[in-house]
N, C-alpha and C. Protein backbone atom coordinates (compact mmCIF):
# COMPACT_ATOMS: atom_id res chain seq x y z
N GLU A 1 -8.49 -2.83 7.03
CA GLU A 1 -9.50 -1.92 7.52
C GLU A 1 -9.89 -2.28 8.95
N ARG A 2 -9.98 -3.58 9.23
CA ARG A 2 -10.34 -4.00 10.59
C ARG A 2 -9.27 -3.56 11.58
N LEU A 3 -8.02 -3.69 11.20
CA LEU A 3 -6.93 -3.26 12.10
C LEU A 3 -7.01 -1.77 12.37
N LEU A 4 -7.25 -0.97 11.34
CA LEU A 4 -7.38 0.48 11.53
C LEU A 4 -8.54 0.81 12.46
N ALA A 5 -9.65 0.09 12.30
CA ALA A 5 -10.81 0.33 13.17
C ALA A 5 -10.49 -0.02 14.62
N GLU A 6 -9.79 -1.12 14.83
CA GLU A 6 -9.42 -1.52 16.19
C GLU A 6 -8.45 -0.52 16.82
N LEU A 7 -7.47 -0.08 16.05
CA LEU A 7 -6.52 0.91 16.57
C LEU A 7 -7.24 2.20 16.91
N ASP A 8 -8.18 2.60 16.06
CA ASP A 8 -8.95 3.81 16.32
C ASP A 8 -9.77 3.67 17.60
N ALA A 9 -10.38 2.50 17.79
CA ALA A 9 -11.19 2.26 18.99
C ALA A 9 -10.34 2.31 20.26
N LEU A 10 -9.07 1.94 20.13
CA LEU A 10 -8.16 1.97 21.27
C LEU A 10 -7.44 3.32 21.40
N SER A 11 -7.81 4.26 20.55
CA SER A 11 -7.19 5.59 20.51
C SER A 11 -5.68 5.53 20.26
N ILE A 12 -5.29 4.58 19.42
CA ILE A 12 -3.89 4.46 19.02
C ILE A 12 -3.74 5.12 17.66
N PRO A 13 -2.98 6.21 17.59
CA PRO A 13 -2.83 6.90 16.30
C PRO A 13 -1.97 6.11 15.32
N VAL A 14 -2.29 6.24 14.06
CA VAL A 14 -1.53 5.61 12.98
C VAL A 14 -0.95 6.73 12.13
N ALA A 15 0.37 6.81 12.09
CA ALA A 15 1.04 7.91 11.39
C ALA A 15 1.19 7.65 9.89
N GLY A 16 1.19 6.42 9.50
CA GLY A 16 1.36 6.08 8.09
C GLY A 16 0.98 4.63 7.88
N LEU A 17 0.77 4.25 6.63
CA LEU A 17 0.35 2.91 6.31
C LEU A 17 1.15 2.40 5.12
N LEU A 18 1.72 1.21 5.26
CA LEU A 18 2.44 0.56 4.17
C LEU A 18 1.61 -0.63 3.72
N VAL A 19 1.18 -0.61 2.47
CA VAL A 19 0.42 -1.71 1.90
C VAL A 19 1.43 -2.53 1.09
N ASN A 20 1.70 -3.72 1.57
CA ASN A 20 2.75 -4.57 1.01
C ASN A 20 2.20 -5.57 0.00
N ALA A 21 3.06 -6.01 -0.90
CA ALA A 21 2.77 -7.07 -1.88
C ALA A 21 1.68 -6.67 -2.86
N ILE A 22 1.74 -5.44 -3.36
CA ILE A 22 0.81 -4.95 -4.37
C ILE A 22 1.22 -5.53 -5.72
N THR A 23 0.22 -5.92 -6.53
CA THR A 23 0.51 -6.42 -7.86
C THR A 23 1.23 -5.34 -8.66
N PRO A 24 2.38 -5.67 -9.25
CA PRO A 24 3.13 -4.67 -10.00
C PRO A 24 2.33 -4.13 -11.19
N PRO A 25 2.45 -2.82 -11.47
CA PRO A 25 1.73 -2.27 -12.63
C PRO A 25 2.26 -2.89 -13.92
N GLY A 26 1.36 -3.13 -14.85
CA GLY A 26 1.76 -3.64 -16.15
C GLY A 26 1.93 -5.15 -16.21
N CYS A 27 1.57 -5.87 -15.16
CA CYS A 27 1.69 -7.32 -15.15
C CYS A 27 0.51 -7.91 -15.92
N ALA A 28 0.75 -8.36 -17.14
CA ALA A 28 -0.32 -8.87 -18.00
C ALA A 28 -0.97 -10.12 -17.40
N ARG A 29 -0.20 -10.97 -16.77
CA ARG A 29 -0.74 -12.20 -16.18
C ARG A 29 -1.64 -11.90 -14.98
N CYS A 30 -1.40 -10.77 -14.33
CA CYS A 30 -2.07 -10.46 -13.06
C CYS A 30 -3.15 -9.40 -13.22
N ARG A 31 -3.60 -9.14 -14.41
CA ARG A 31 -4.53 -8.05 -14.67
C ARG A 31 -5.79 -8.13 -13.81
N ARG A 32 -6.40 -9.31 -13.73
CA ARG A 32 -7.65 -9.47 -12.96
C ARG A 32 -7.38 -9.26 -11.47
N ALA A 33 -6.33 -9.87 -10.96
CA ALA A 33 -5.99 -9.71 -9.54
C ALA A 33 -5.65 -8.25 -9.24
N GLY A 34 -4.94 -7.60 -10.16
CA GLY A 34 -4.58 -6.19 -9.98
C GLY A 34 -5.80 -5.29 -9.92
N ALA A 35 -6.81 -5.57 -10.76
CA ALA A 35 -8.03 -4.76 -10.76
C ALA A 35 -8.79 -4.93 -9.45
N ARG A 36 -8.88 -6.14 -8.96
CA ARG A 36 -9.55 -6.41 -7.69
C ARG A 36 -8.79 -5.74 -6.54
N GLU A 37 -7.50 -5.85 -6.60
CA GLU A 37 -6.64 -5.25 -5.57
C GLU A 37 -6.77 -3.73 -5.56
N GLU A 38 -6.87 -3.13 -6.74
CA GLU A 38 -6.99 -1.67 -6.83
C GLU A 38 -8.25 -1.19 -6.12
N LYS A 39 -9.36 -1.93 -6.26
CA LYS A 39 -10.59 -1.58 -5.55
C LYS A 39 -10.39 -1.63 -4.05
N GLN A 40 -9.67 -2.65 -3.58
CA GLN A 40 -9.41 -2.79 -2.15
C GLN A 40 -8.53 -1.66 -1.64
N VAL A 41 -7.52 -1.28 -2.42
CA VAL A 41 -6.62 -0.19 -2.02
C VAL A 41 -7.38 1.12 -1.95
N ARG A 42 -8.26 1.36 -2.92
CA ARG A 42 -9.06 2.60 -2.91
C ARG A 42 -9.99 2.65 -1.69
N ALA A 43 -10.59 1.51 -1.34
CA ALA A 43 -11.46 1.46 -0.16
C ALA A 43 -10.65 1.74 1.11
N LEU A 44 -9.47 1.16 1.18
CA LEU A 44 -8.60 1.40 2.33
C LEU A 44 -8.19 2.87 2.39
N ALA A 45 -7.91 3.46 1.25
CA ALA A 45 -7.52 4.87 1.20
C ALA A 45 -8.66 5.77 1.68
N ARG A 46 -9.89 5.43 1.31
CA ARG A 46 -11.03 6.24 1.77
C ARG A 46 -11.11 6.23 3.30
N ARG A 47 -10.80 5.10 3.89
CA ARG A 47 -10.85 4.98 5.36
C ARG A 47 -9.65 5.64 6.01
N PHE A 48 -8.49 5.47 5.42
CA PHE A 48 -7.25 5.90 6.06
C PHE A 48 -6.87 7.35 5.79
N LEU A 49 -7.09 7.82 4.59
CA LEU A 49 -6.61 9.15 4.20
C LEU A 49 -7.58 10.26 4.57
N THR A 50 -8.23 10.13 5.71
CA THR A 50 -9.17 11.17 6.14
C THR A 50 -8.45 12.29 6.87
N GLY A 51 -7.35 12.02 7.51
CA GLY A 51 -6.57 13.04 8.21
C GLY A 51 -5.56 13.66 7.26
N THR A 52 -4.84 14.64 7.75
CA THR A 52 -3.84 15.28 6.91
C THR A 52 -2.46 14.74 7.26
N GLY A 53 -1.64 14.64 6.27
CA GLY A 53 -0.25 14.27 6.49
C GLY A 53 0.02 12.80 6.78
N ARG A 54 -0.97 11.94 6.60
CA ARG A 54 -0.75 10.52 6.84
C ARG A 54 -0.51 9.83 5.50
N PRO A 55 0.71 9.40 5.24
CA PRO A 55 0.97 8.77 3.95
C PRO A 55 0.49 7.32 3.89
N MET A 56 0.08 6.93 2.71
CA MET A 56 -0.23 5.53 2.42
C MET A 56 0.72 5.14 1.30
N ILE A 57 1.61 4.22 1.59
CA ILE A 57 2.65 3.81 0.65
C ILE A 57 2.32 2.43 0.11
N LEU A 58 2.46 2.24 -1.20
CA LEU A 58 2.23 0.95 -1.85
C LEU A 58 3.59 0.35 -2.21
N ALA A 59 3.82 -0.87 -1.74
CA ALA A 59 5.06 -1.59 -2.02
C ALA A 59 4.73 -2.80 -2.89
N PRO A 60 5.31 -2.89 -4.09
CA PRO A 60 4.96 -3.98 -4.99
C PRO A 60 5.51 -5.34 -4.55
N MET A 61 4.79 -6.37 -4.94
CA MET A 61 5.25 -7.73 -4.72
C MET A 61 6.37 -8.00 -5.73
N ILE A 62 7.43 -8.64 -5.26
CA ILE A 62 8.49 -9.04 -6.18
C ILE A 62 8.90 -10.46 -5.85
N SER A 63 9.43 -11.12 -6.84
CA SER A 63 9.91 -12.48 -6.66
C SER A 63 11.25 -12.59 -7.36
N PRO A 64 12.23 -13.13 -6.70
CA PRO A 64 12.23 -13.58 -5.32
C PRO A 64 12.21 -12.38 -4.37
N GLU A 65 11.85 -12.67 -3.10
CA GLU A 65 11.82 -11.62 -2.10
C GLU A 65 13.21 -11.01 -1.95
N PRO A 66 13.26 -9.70 -1.68
CA PRO A 66 14.58 -9.06 -1.54
C PRO A 66 15.33 -9.58 -0.32
N ARG A 67 16.61 -9.81 -0.51
CA ARG A 67 17.47 -10.24 0.59
C ARG A 67 18.73 -9.41 0.54
N GLY A 68 19.08 -8.88 1.69
CA GLY A 68 20.28 -8.06 1.77
C GLY A 68 19.97 -6.58 1.61
N VAL A 69 20.92 -5.79 2.04
CA VAL A 69 20.75 -4.34 2.06
C VAL A 69 20.51 -3.78 0.66
N ARG A 70 21.31 -4.17 -0.30
CA ARG A 70 21.18 -3.63 -1.65
C ARG A 70 19.83 -3.98 -2.28
N ALA A 71 19.41 -5.23 -2.13
CA ALA A 71 18.13 -5.65 -2.70
C ALA A 71 16.97 -4.91 -2.03
N LEU A 72 17.04 -4.71 -0.72
CA LEU A 72 16.00 -3.96 -0.02
C LEU A 72 15.99 -2.50 -0.46
N ARG A 73 17.17 -1.93 -0.65
CA ARG A 73 17.26 -0.54 -1.10
C ARG A 73 16.66 -0.40 -2.50
N ASP A 74 16.99 -1.33 -3.38
CA ASP A 74 16.45 -1.29 -4.75
C ASP A 74 14.93 -1.45 -4.75
N TRP A 75 14.43 -2.36 -3.92
CA TRP A 75 12.99 -2.57 -3.82
C TRP A 75 12.31 -1.32 -3.28
N GLY A 76 12.94 -0.67 -2.31
CA GLY A 76 12.39 0.56 -1.74
C GLY A 76 12.20 1.67 -2.76
N THR A 77 13.01 1.68 -3.80
CA THR A 77 12.86 2.71 -4.83
C THR A 77 11.62 2.50 -5.70
N THR A 78 11.00 1.31 -5.61
CA THR A 78 9.81 1.03 -6.41
C THR A 78 8.52 1.36 -5.66
N TRP A 79 8.63 1.71 -4.38
CA TRP A 79 7.45 2.06 -3.59
C TRP A 79 6.88 3.37 -4.10
N ARG A 80 5.57 3.53 -4.00
CA ARG A 80 4.95 4.78 -4.44
C ARG A 80 3.88 5.21 -3.44
N ARG A 81 3.72 6.49 -3.36
CA ARG A 81 2.73 7.06 -2.44
C ARG A 81 1.38 7.10 -3.14
N PHE A 82 0.34 6.72 -2.40
CA PHE A 82 -1.02 6.81 -2.91
C PHE A 82 -1.58 8.14 -2.47
N ASP A 83 -1.97 8.98 -3.41
CA ASP A 83 -2.40 10.33 -3.04
C ASP A 83 -3.91 10.40 -2.80
N ARG A 84 -4.34 11.52 -2.27
CA ARG A 84 -5.75 11.74 -1.91
C ARG A 84 -6.69 11.66 -3.10
N ALA A 85 -6.19 11.94 -4.28
CA ALA A 85 -7.05 11.90 -5.48
C ALA A 85 -7.30 10.48 -5.93
N GLY A 86 -6.68 9.51 -5.26
CA GLY A 86 -6.90 8.12 -5.61
C GLY A 86 -6.00 7.61 -6.70
N ARG A 87 -4.88 8.30 -6.91
CA ARG A 87 -3.94 7.86 -7.93
C ARG A 87 -2.69 7.33 -7.26
N PRO A 88 -2.26 6.12 -7.65
CA PRO A 88 -0.99 5.63 -7.11
C PRO A 88 0.18 6.38 -7.71
C-alpha cells in the first residue's frame, strides 16, 4: 500500500498488480496465516481496484521455487485474478 501511495504521489500510473507468495488455498497448516493474509489482500484491493481495467493477480507461494521455463509456465497457470467483488 505504501508503494502504491508513493507511485500515486509521483503521478506514476500502475497498470496492474501482482501479489506474490500468497498462501495456497486449502493449506491446513497455514489456515491462520492465510486468514490474516486474506484481510491484507482485501485491504490492498480496496486501495488498488478503484480504477477500471487494472488487474490484481494473486500468485501462490510454492516450494521449491519454480526453476526453468516449464516450472514457471506451470506455476503461472495457478495464478488467479482478484475481482472487484473481493473474491479470488
